[in-house]
Amino acid sequence: LREDFKAHILKGNVVLGMTTDEVIASIGKPHKTNQSVGSWGVQVHEQWIYGSEEYDNYSSGATHFVPAHYFNFENSILTSWQD
């Protein structure tokens, strides 16, 4: 892990420019990932999803919505996120 990000990781913060390993060290592994590779070249785009947009509570039969957080990476570097 790079020195620049160690304080953020210890606080559980995510900062643009972190690697995938640094994000995992800070907030853990994602619940789901999406990956795309396109005609634009050798860049690999990944989207990591934390939380879920919805889940069913089988005991009550109700559907609940849980906030999802989306983190976008290019070649394993965090470039943006959306809450």
PDB file of N, CA and C in Angstrom:
ATOM      1  N   LEU A   1       0.832  -1.187   0.000  1.00  0.00           N
ATOM      2  CA  LEU A   1       0.000   0.000   0.000  1.00  0.00           C
ATOM      3  C   LEU A   1       0.876   1.250   0.000  1.00  0.00           C
ATOM      4  N   ARG A   2       0.442   2.232  -0.741  1.00  0.00           N
ATOM      5  CA  ARG A   2       1.250   3.445  -0.873  1.00  0.00           C
ATOM      6  C   ARG A   2       1.070   4.351   0.344  1.00  0.00           C
ATOM      7  N   GLU A   3       2.147   4.991   0.743  1.00  0.00           N
ATOM      8  CA  GLU A   3       2.158   5.872   1.923  1.00  0.00           C
ATOM      9  C   GLU A   3       1.096   6.965   1.823  1.00  0.00           C
ATOM     10  N   ASP A   4       0.886   7.501   0.609  1.00  0.00           N
ATOM     11  CA  ASP A   4      -0.066   8.599   0.408  1.00  0.00           C
ATOM     12  C   ASP A   4      -1.474   8.248   0.891  1.00  0.00           C
ATOM     13  N   PHE A   5      -1.811   6.966   0.880  1.00  0.00           N
ATOM     14  CA  PHE A   5      -3.182   6.557   1.166  1.00  0.00           C
ATOM     15  C   PHE A   5      -3.355   5.842   2.499  1.00  0.00           C
ATOM     16  N   LYS A   6      -2.282   5.583   3.225  1.00  0.00           N
ATOM     17  CA  LYS A   6      -2.387   4.804   4.464  1.00  0.00           C
ATOM     18  C   LYS A   6      -3.306   5.452   5.496  1.00  0.00           C
ATOM     19  N   ALA A   7      -3.228   6.753   5.685  1.00  0.00           N
ATOM     20  CA  ALA A   7      -4.090   7.435   6.664  1.00  0.00           C
ATOM     21  C   ALA A   7      -5.556   7.312   6.261  1.00  0.00           C
ATOM     22  N   HIS A   8      -5.855   7.433   4.960  1.00  0.00           N
ATOM     23  CA  HIS A   8      -7.232   7.290   4.479  1.00  0.00           C
ATOM     24  C   HIS A   8      -7.740   5.872   4.719  1.00  0.00           C
ATOM     25  N   ILE A   9      -6.889   4.889   4.447  1.00  0.00           N
ATOM     26  CA  ILE A   9      -7.273   3.488   4.621  1.00  0.00           C
ATOM     27  C   ILE A   9      -7.582   3.208   6.083  1.00  0.00           C
ATOM     28  N   LEU A  10      -6.750   3.702   6.991  1.00  0.00           N
ATOM     29  CA  LEU A  10      -6.978   3.472   8.419  1.00  0.00           C
ATOM     30  C   LEU A  10      -8.294   4.074   8.900  1.00  0.00           C
ATOM     31  N   LYS A  11      -8.758   5.146   8.229  1.00  0.00           N
ATOM     32  CA  LYS A  11     -10.027   5.786   8.585  1.00  0.00           C
ATOM     33  C   LYS A  11     -11.217   5.189   7.832  1.00  0.00           C
ATOM     34  N   GLY A  12     -10.952   4.264   6.909  1.00  0.00           N
ATOM     35  CA  GLY A  12     -12.033   3.675   6.115  1.00  0.00           C
ATOM     36  C   GLY A  12     -12.536   4.587   5.019  1.00  0.00           C
ATOM     37  N   ASN A  13     -11.684   5.498   4.557  1.00  0.00           N
ATOM     38  CA  ASN A  13     -12.046   6.426   3.482  1.00  0.00           C
ATOM     39  C   ASN A  13     -11.575   5.905   2.135  1.00  0.00           C
ATOM     40  N   VAL A  14     -12.258   6.329   1.082  1.00  0.00           N
ATOM     41  CA  VAL A  14     -11.875   6.006  -0.288  1.00  0.00           C
ATOM     42  C   VAL A  14     -11.521   7.308  -0.989  1.00  0.00           C
ATOM     43  N   VAL A  15     -10.412   7.304  -1.734  1.00  0.00           N
ATOM     44  CA  VAL A  15      -9.906   8.501  -2.399  1.00  0.00           C
ATOM     45  C   VAL A  15      -9.614   8.171  -3.860  1.00  0.00           C
ATOM     46  N   LEU A  16      -9.967   9.090  -4.760  1.00  0.00           N
ATOM     47  CA  LEU A  16      -9.634   8.894  -6.170  1.00  0.00           C
ATOM     48  C   LEU A  16      -8.147   8.633  -6.323  1.00  0.00           C
ATOM     49  N   GLY A  17      -7.809   7.713  -7.217  1.00  0.00           N
ATOM     50  CA  GLY A  17      -6.417   7.363  -7.452  1.00  0.00           C
ATOM     51  C   GLY A  17      -5.974   6.118  -6.699  1.00  0.00           C
ATOM     52  N   MET A  18      -6.819   5.636  -5.767  1.00  0.00           N
ATOM     53  CA  MET A  18      -6.482   4.396  -5.055  1.00  0.00           C
ATOM     54  C   MET A  18      -6.509   3.220  -6.013  1.00  0.00           C
ATOM     55  N   THR A  19      -5.706   2.214  -5.701  1.00  0.00           N
ATOM     56  CA  THR A  19      -5.747   0.964  -6.457  1.00  0.00           C
ATOM     57  C   THR A  19      -6.872   0.089  -5.911  1.00  0.00           C
ATOM     58  N   THR A  20      -7.196  -0.961  -6.631  1.00  0.00           N
ATOM     59  CA  THR A  20      -8.219  -1.886  -6.151  1.00  0.00           C
ATOM     60  C   THR A  20      -7.813  -2.486  -4.804  1.00  0.00           C
ATOM     61  N   ASP A  21      -6.552  -2.808  -4.628  1.00  0.00           N
ATOM     62  CA  ASP A  21      -6.084  -3.358  -3.352  1.00  0.00           C
ATOM     63  C   ASP A  21      -6.265  -2.363  -2.211  1.00  0.00           C
ATOM     64  N   GLU A  22      -6.014  -1.089  -2.473  1.00  0.00           N
ATOM     65  CA  GLU A  22      -6.174  -0.057  -1.441  1.00  0.00           C
ATOM     66  C   GLU A  22      -7.646   0.146  -1.072  1.00  0.00           C
ATOM     67  N   VAL A  23      -8.523   0.071  -2.061  1.00  0.00           N
ATOM     68  CA  VAL A  23      -9.955   0.199  -1.770  1.00  0.00           C
ATOM     69  C   VAL A  23     -10.412  -0.994  -0.925  1.00  0.00           C
ATOM     70  N   ILE A  24      -9.979  -2.191  -1.266  1.00  0.00           N
ATOM     71  CA  ILE A  24     -10.333  -3.372  -0.470  1.00  0.00           C
ATOM     72  C   ILE A  24      -9.800  -3.232   0.955  1.00  0.00           C
ATOM     73  N   ALA A  25      -8.576  -2.733   1.100  1.00  0.00           N
ATOM     74  CA  ALA A  25      -8.005  -2.542   2.438  1.00  0.00           C
ATOM     75  C   ALA A  25      -8.809  -1.519   3.237  1.00  0.00           C
ATOM     76  N   SER A  26      -9.403  -0.555   2.560  1.00  0.00           N
ATOM     77  CA  SER A  26     -10.142   0.510   3.233  1.00  0.00           C
ATOM     78  C   SER A  26     -11.574   0.116   3.588  1.00  0.00           C
ATOM     79  N   ILE A  27     -12.301  -0.475   2.631  1.00  0.00           N
ATOM     80  CA  ILE A  27     -13.730  -0.748   2.872  1.00  0.00           C
ATOM     81  C   ILE A  27     -14.137  -2.195   2.604  1.00  0.00           C
ATOM     82  N   GLY A  28     -13.202  -3.059   2.282  1.00  0.00           N
ATOM     83  CA  GLY A  28     -13.526  -4.470   2.064  1.00  0.00           C
ATOM     84  C   GLY A  28     -13.849  -4.778   0.616  1.00  0.00           C
ATOM     85  N   LYS A  29     -14.155  -6.049   0.370  1.00  0.00           N
ATOM     86  CA  LYS A  29     -14.463  -6.504  -0.987  1.00  0.00           C
ATOM     87  C   LYS A  29     -15.878  -6.086  -1.380  1.00  0.00           C
ATOM     88  N   PRO A  30     -16.089  -5.829  -2.683  1.00  0.00           N
ATOM     89  CA  PRO A  30     -17.417  -5.429  -3.147  1.00  0.00           C
ATOM     90  C   PRO A  30     -18.390  -6.598  -3.122  1.00  0.00           C
ATOM     91  N   HIS A  31     -19.684  -6.276  -3.125  1.00  0.00           N
ATOM     92  CA  HIS A  31     -20.724  -7.300  -3.189  1.00  0.00           C
ATOM     93  C   HIS A  31     -20.867  -7.847  -4.604  1.00  0.00           C
ATOM     94  N   LYS A  32     -20.572  -7.006  -5.601  1.00  0.00           N
ATOM     95  CA  LYS A  32     -20.711  -7.398  -6.997  1.00  0.00           C
ATOM     96  C   LYS A  32     -19.734  -6.588  -7.837  1.00  0.00           C
ATOM     97  N   THR A  33     -19.274  -7.161  -8.939  1.00  0.00           N
ATOM     98  CA  THR A  33     -18.415  -6.422  -9.869  1.00  0.00           C
ATOM     99  C   THR A  33     -18.926  -6.595 -11.295  1.00  0.00           C
ATOM    100  N   ASN A  34     -18.707  -5.569 -12.096  1.00  0.00           N
ATOM    101  CA  ASN A  34     -18.974  -5.616 -13.534  1.00  0.00           C
ATOM    102  C   ASN A  34     -17.693  -5.208 -14.234  1.00  0.00           C
ATOM    103  N   GLN A  35     -17.367  -5.867 -15.341  1.00  0.00           N
ATOM    104  CA  GLN A  35     -16.141  -5.542 -16.068  1.00  0.00           C
ATOM    105  C   GLN A  35     -16.465  -5.375 -17.542  1.00  0.00           C
ATOM    106  N   SER A  36     -15.823  -4.389 -18.164  1.00  0.00           N
ATOM    107  CA  SER A  36     -15.998  -4.209 -19.599  1.00  0.00           C
ATOM    108  C   SER A  36     -14.670  -3.865 -20.246  1.00  0.00           C
ATOM    109  N   VAL A  37     -14.496  -4.403 -21.434  1.00  0.00           N
ATOM    110  CA  VAL A  37     -13.334  -4.094 -22.266  1.00  0.00           C
ATOM    111  C   VAL A  37     -13.906  -3.729 -23.617  1.00  0.00           C
ATOM    112  N   GLY A  38     -13.473  -2.614 -24.176  1.00  0.00           N
ATOM    113  CA  GLY A  38     -14.070  -2.163 -25.424  1.00  0.00           C
ATOM    114  C   GLY A  38     -13.051  -1.936 -26.521  1.00  0.00           C
ATOM    115  N   SER A  39     -13.538  -1.405 -27.597  1.00  0.00           N
ATOM    116  CA  SER A  39     -12.700  -1.154 -28.761  1.00  0.00           C
ATOM    117  C   SER A  39     -11.769   0.033 -28.568  1.00  0.00           C
ATOM    118  N   TRP A  40     -11.885   0.721 -27.434  1.00  0.00           N
ATOM    119  CA  TRP A  40     -11.074   1.911 -27.176  1.00  0.00           C
ATOM    120  C   TRP A  40      -9.633   1.560 -26.829  1.00  0.00           C
ATOM    121  N   GLY A  41      -9.315   0.295 -26.693  1.00  0.00           N
ATOM    122  CA  GLY A  41      -7.918  -0.074 -26.440  1.00  0.00           C
ATOM    123  C   GLY A  41      -7.780  -1.097 -25.340  1.00  0.00           C
ATOM    124  N   VAL A  42      -6.662  -1.018 -24.668  1.00  0.00           N
ATOM    125  CA  VAL A  42      -6.330  -2.042 -23.687  1.00  0.00           C
ATOM    126  C   VAL A  42      -6.848  -1.729 -22.291  1.00  0.00           C
ATOM    127  N   GLN A  43      -7.563  -0.645 -22.127  1.00  0.00           N
ATOM    128  CA  GLN A  43      -8.074  -0.303 -20.806  1.00  0.00           C
ATOM    129  C   GLN A  43      -9.181  -1.256 -20.390  1.00  0.00           C
ATOM    130  N   VAL A  44      -9.123  -1.653 -19.147  1.00  0.00           N
ATOM    131  CA  VAL A  44     -10.167  -2.489 -18.568  1.00  0.00           C
ATOM    132  C   VAL A  44     -10.953  -1.617 -17.595  1.00  0.00           C
ATOM    133  N   HIS A  45     -12.261  -1.550 -17.805  1.00  0.00           N
ATOM    134  CA  HIS A  45     -13.140  -0.771 -16.939  1.00  0.00           C
ATOM    135  C   HIS A  45     -13.869  -1.733 -16.007  1.00  0.00           C
ATOM    136  N   GLU A  46     -13.806  -1.440 -14.720  1.00  0.00           N
ATOM    137  CA  GLU A  46     -14.510  -2.242 -13.739  1.00  0.00           C
ATOM    138  C   GLU A  46     -15.406  -1.352 -12.907  1.00  0.00           C
ATOM    139  N   GLN A  47     -16.547  -1.870 -12.560  1.00  0.00           N
ATOM    140  CA  GLN A  47     -17.453  -1.189 -11.636  1.00  0.00           C
ATOM    141  C   GLN A  47     -17.653  -2.113 -10.447  1.00  0.00           C
ATOM    142  N   TRP A  48     -17.378  -1.595  -9.261  1.00  0.00           N
ATOM    143  CA  TRP A  48     -17.591  -2.359  -8.034  1.00  0.00           C
ATOM    144  C   TRP A  48     -18.822  -1.813  -7.352  1.00  0.00           C
ATOM    145  N   ILE A  49     -19.663  -2.701  -6.889  1.00  0.00           N
ATOM    146  CA  ILE A  49     -20.911  -2.303  -6.242  1.00  0.00           C
ATOM    147  C   ILE A  49     -20.880  -2.765  -4.792  1.00  0.00           C
ATOM    148  N   TYR A  50     -21.090  -1.818  -3.895  1.00  0.00           N
ATOM    149  CA  TYR A  50     -21.197  -2.094  -2.461  1.00  0.00           C
ATOM    150  C   TYR A  50     -22.636  -1.838  -2.057  1.00  0.00           C
ATOM    151  N   GLY A  51     -23.225  -2.754  -1.332  1.00  0.00           N
ATOM    152  CA  GLY A  51     -24.635  -2.644  -0.994  1.00  0.00           C
ATOM    153  C   GLY A  51     -25.457  -3.230  -2.118  1.00  0.00           C
ATOM    154  N   SER A  52     -26.743  -3.126  -1.989  1.00  0.00           N
ATOM    155  CA  SER A  52     -27.650  -3.704  -2.968  1.00  0.00           C
ATOM    156  C   SER A  52     -28.751  -2.705  -3.242  1.00  0.00           C
ATOM    157  N   GLU A  53     -29.207  -2.677  -4.461  1.00  0.00           N
ATOM    158  CA  GLU A  53     -30.297  -1.761  -4.781  1.00  0.00           C
ATOM    159  C   GLU A  53     -31.601  -2.194  -4.130  1.00  0.00           C
ATOM    160  N   GLU A  54     -31.806  -3.492  -3.992  1.00  0.00           N
ATOM    161  CA  GLU A  54     -33.009  -3.963  -3.315  1.00  0.00           C
ATOM    162  C   GLU A  54     -32.799  -5.390  -2.831  1.00  0.00           C
ATOM    163  N   TYR A  55     -33.575  -5.764  -1.854  1.00  0.00           N
ATOM    164  CA  TYR A  55     -33.582  -7.145  -1.393  1.00  0.00           C
ATOM    165  C   TYR A  55     -34.969  -7.473  -0.865  1.00  0.00           C
ATOM    166  N   ASP A  56     -35.298  -8.738  -0.870  1.00  0.00           N
ATOM    167  CA  ASP A  56     -36.601  -9.182  -0.377  1.00  0.00           C
ATOM    168  C   ASP A  56     -36.457  -9.685   1.043  1.00  0.00           C
ATOM    169  N   ASN A  57     -37.361  -9.257   1.887  1.00  0.00           N
ATOM    170  CA  ASN A  57     -37.432  -9.764   3.252  1.00  0.00           C
ATOM    171  C   ASN A  57     -38.476 -10.873   3.227  1.00  0.00           C
ATOM    172  N   TYR A  58     -37.998 -12.104   3.171  1.00  0.00           N
ATOM    173  CA  TYR A  58     -38.907 -13.230   2.979  1.00  0.00           C
ATOM    174  C   TYR A  58     -39.845 -13.435   4.166  1.00  0.00           C
ATOM    175  N   SER A  59     -39.444 -13.032   5.357  1.00  0.00           N
ATOM    176  CA  SER A  59     -40.324 -13.232   6.506  1.00  0.00           C
ATOM    177  C   SER A  59     -41.535 -12.304   6.473  1.00  0.00           C
ATOM    178  N   SER A  60     -41.352 -11.087   5.945  1.00  0.00           N
ATOM    179  CA  SER A  60     -42.487 -10.154   5.901  1.00  0.00           C
ATOM    180  C   SER A  60     -43.073 -10.025   4.502  1.00  0.00           C
ATOM    181  N   GLY A  61     -42.346 -10.496   3.491  1.00  0.00           N
ATOM    182  CA  GLY A  61     -42.811 -10.386   2.115  1.00  0.00           C
ATOM    183  C   GLY A  61     -42.594  -9.018   1.505  1.00  0.00           C
ATOM    184  N   ALA A  62     -41.915  -8.126   2.227  1.00  0.00           N
ATOM    185  CA  ALA A  62     -41.696  -6.758   1.741  1.00  0.00           C
ATOM    186  C   ALA A  62     -40.372  -6.657   0.993  1.00  0.00           C
ATOM    187  N   THR A  63     -40.318  -5.753   0.044  1.00  0.00           N
ATOM    188  CA  THR A  63     -39.071  -5.445  -0.657  1.00  0.00           C
ATOM    189  C   THR A  63     -38.505  -4.169  -0.069  1.00  0.00           C
ATOM    190  N   HIS A  64     -37.252  -4.206   0.319  1.00  0.00           N
ATOM    191  CA  HIS A  64     -36.581  -3.054   0.906  1.00  0.00           C
ATOM    192  C   HIS A  64     -35.481  -2.583  -0.039  1.00  0.00           C
ATOM    193  N   PHE A  65     -35.233  -1.293  -0.043  1.00  0.00           N
ATOM    194  CA  PHE A  65     -34.177  -0.729  -0.860  1.00  0.00           C
ATOM    195  C   PHE A  65     -33.022  -0.310   0.039  1.00  0.00           C
ATOM    196  N   VAL A  66     -31.838  -0.740  -0.332  1.00  0.00           N
ATOM    197  CA  VAL A  66     -30.627  -0.437   0.421  1.00  0.00           C
ATOM    198  C   VAL A  66     -29.747   0.420  -0.482  1.00  0.00           C
ATOM    199  N   PRO A  67     -29.194   1.500   0.033  1.00  0.00           N
ATOM    200  CA  PRO A  67     -28.332   2.331  -0.817  1.00  0.00           C
ATOM    201  C   PRO A  67     -27.167   1.524  -1.388  1.00  0.00           C
ATOM    202  N   ALA A  68     -26.901   1.733  -2.652  1.00  0.00           N
ATOM    203  CA  ALA A  68     -25.766   1.095  -3.310  1.00  0.00           C
ATOM    204  C   ALA A  68     -24.733   2.164  -3.644  1.00  0.00           C
ATOM    205  N   HIS A  69     -23.486   1.799  -3.549  1.00  0.00           N
ATOM    206  CA  HIS A  69     -22.373   2.681  -3.878  1.00  0.00           C
ATOM    207  C   HIS A  69     -21.604   2.045  -5.026  1.00  0.00           C
ATOM    208  N   TYR A  70     -21.352   2.818  -6.073  1.00  0.00           N
ATOM    209  CA  TYR A  70     -20.698   2.323  -7.274  1.00  0.00           C
ATOM    210  C   TYR A  70     -19.322   2.968  -7.396  1.00  0.00           C
ATOM    211  N   PHE A  71     -18.292   2.148  -7.510  1.00  0.00           N
ATOM    212  CA  PHE A  71     -16.921   2.623  -7.664  1.00  0.00           C
ATOM    213  C   PHE A  71     -16.412   2.177  -9.024  1.00  0.00           C
ATOM    214  N   ASN A  72     -15.862   3.119  -9.802  1.00  0.00           N
ATOM    215  CA  ASN A  72     -15.411   2.837 -11.167  1.00  0.00           C
ATOM    216  C   ASN A  72     -13.890   2.898 -11.251  1.00  0.00           C
ATOM    217  N   PHE A  73     -13.324   1.869 -11.865  1.00  0.00           N
ATOM    218  CA  PHE A  73     -11.875   1.734 -11.998  1.00  0.00           C
ATOM    219  C   PHE A  73     -11.491   1.628 -13.460  1.00  0.00           C
ATOM    220  N   GLU A  74     -10.342   2.188 -13.806  1.00  0.00           N
ATOM    221  CA  GLU A  74      -9.720   1.968 -15.102  1.00  0.00           C
ATOM    222  C   GLU A  74      -8.341   1.414 -14.834  1.00  0.00           C
ATOM    223  N   ASN A  75      -8.082   0.219 -15.368  1.00  0.00           N
ATOM    224  CA  ASN A  75      -6.800  -0.454 -15.152  1.00  0.00           C
ATOM    225  C   ASN A  75      -6.433  -0.487 -13.670  1.00  0.00           C
ATOM    226  N   SER A  76      -7.406  -0.856 -12.840  1.00  0.00           N
ATOM    227  CA  SER A  76      -7.236  -1.062 -11.392  1.00  0.00           C
ATOM    228  C   SER A  76      -7.000   0.211 -10.588  1.00  0.00           C
ATOM    229  N   ILE A  77      -7.287   1.386 -11.166  1.00  0.00           N
ATOM    230  CA  ILE A  77      -7.165   2.665 -10.453  1.00  0.00           C
ATOM    231  C   ILE A  77      -8.544   3.292 -10.346  1.00  0.00           C
ATOM    232  N   LEU A  78      -8.935   3.719  -9.133  1.00  0.00           N
ATOM    233  CA  LEU A  78     -10.239   4.337  -8.917  1.00  0.00           C
ATOM    234  C   LEU A  78     -10.306   5.691  -9.618  1.00  0.00           C
ATOM    235  N   THR A  79     -11.282   5.834 -10.525  1.00  0.00           N
ATOM    236  CA  THR A  79     -11.408   7.075 -11.291  1.00  0.00           C
ATOM    237  C   THR A  79     -12.670   7.860 -10.948  1.00  0.00           C
ATOM    238  N   SER A  80     -13.695   7.202 -10.391  1.00  0.00           N
ATOM    239  CA  SER A  80     -14.920   7.907 -10.010  1.00  0.00           C
ATOM    240  C   SER A  80     -15.777   6.997  -9.140  1.00  0.00           C
ATOM    241  N   TRP A  81     -16.764   7.617  -8.482  1.00  0.00           N
ATOM    242  CA  TRP A  81     -17.770   6.830  -7.760  1.00  0.00           C
ATOM    243  C   TRP A  81     -19.084   7.565  -7.753  1.00  0.00           C
ATOM    244  N   GLN A  82     -20.123   6.793  -7.449  1.00  0.00           N
ATOM    245  CA  GLN A  82     -21.486   7.341  -7.411  1.00  0.00           C
ATOM    246  C   GLN A  82     -22.213   6.732  -6.229  1.00  0.00           C
ATOM    247  N   ASP A  83     -22.863   7.577  -5.448  1.00  0.00           N
ATOM    248  CA  ASP A  83     -23.665   7.106  -4.318  1.00  0.00           C
ATOM    249  C   ASP A  83     -25.129   7.099  -4.674  1.00  0.00           C
TER     250      ASP A  83
END
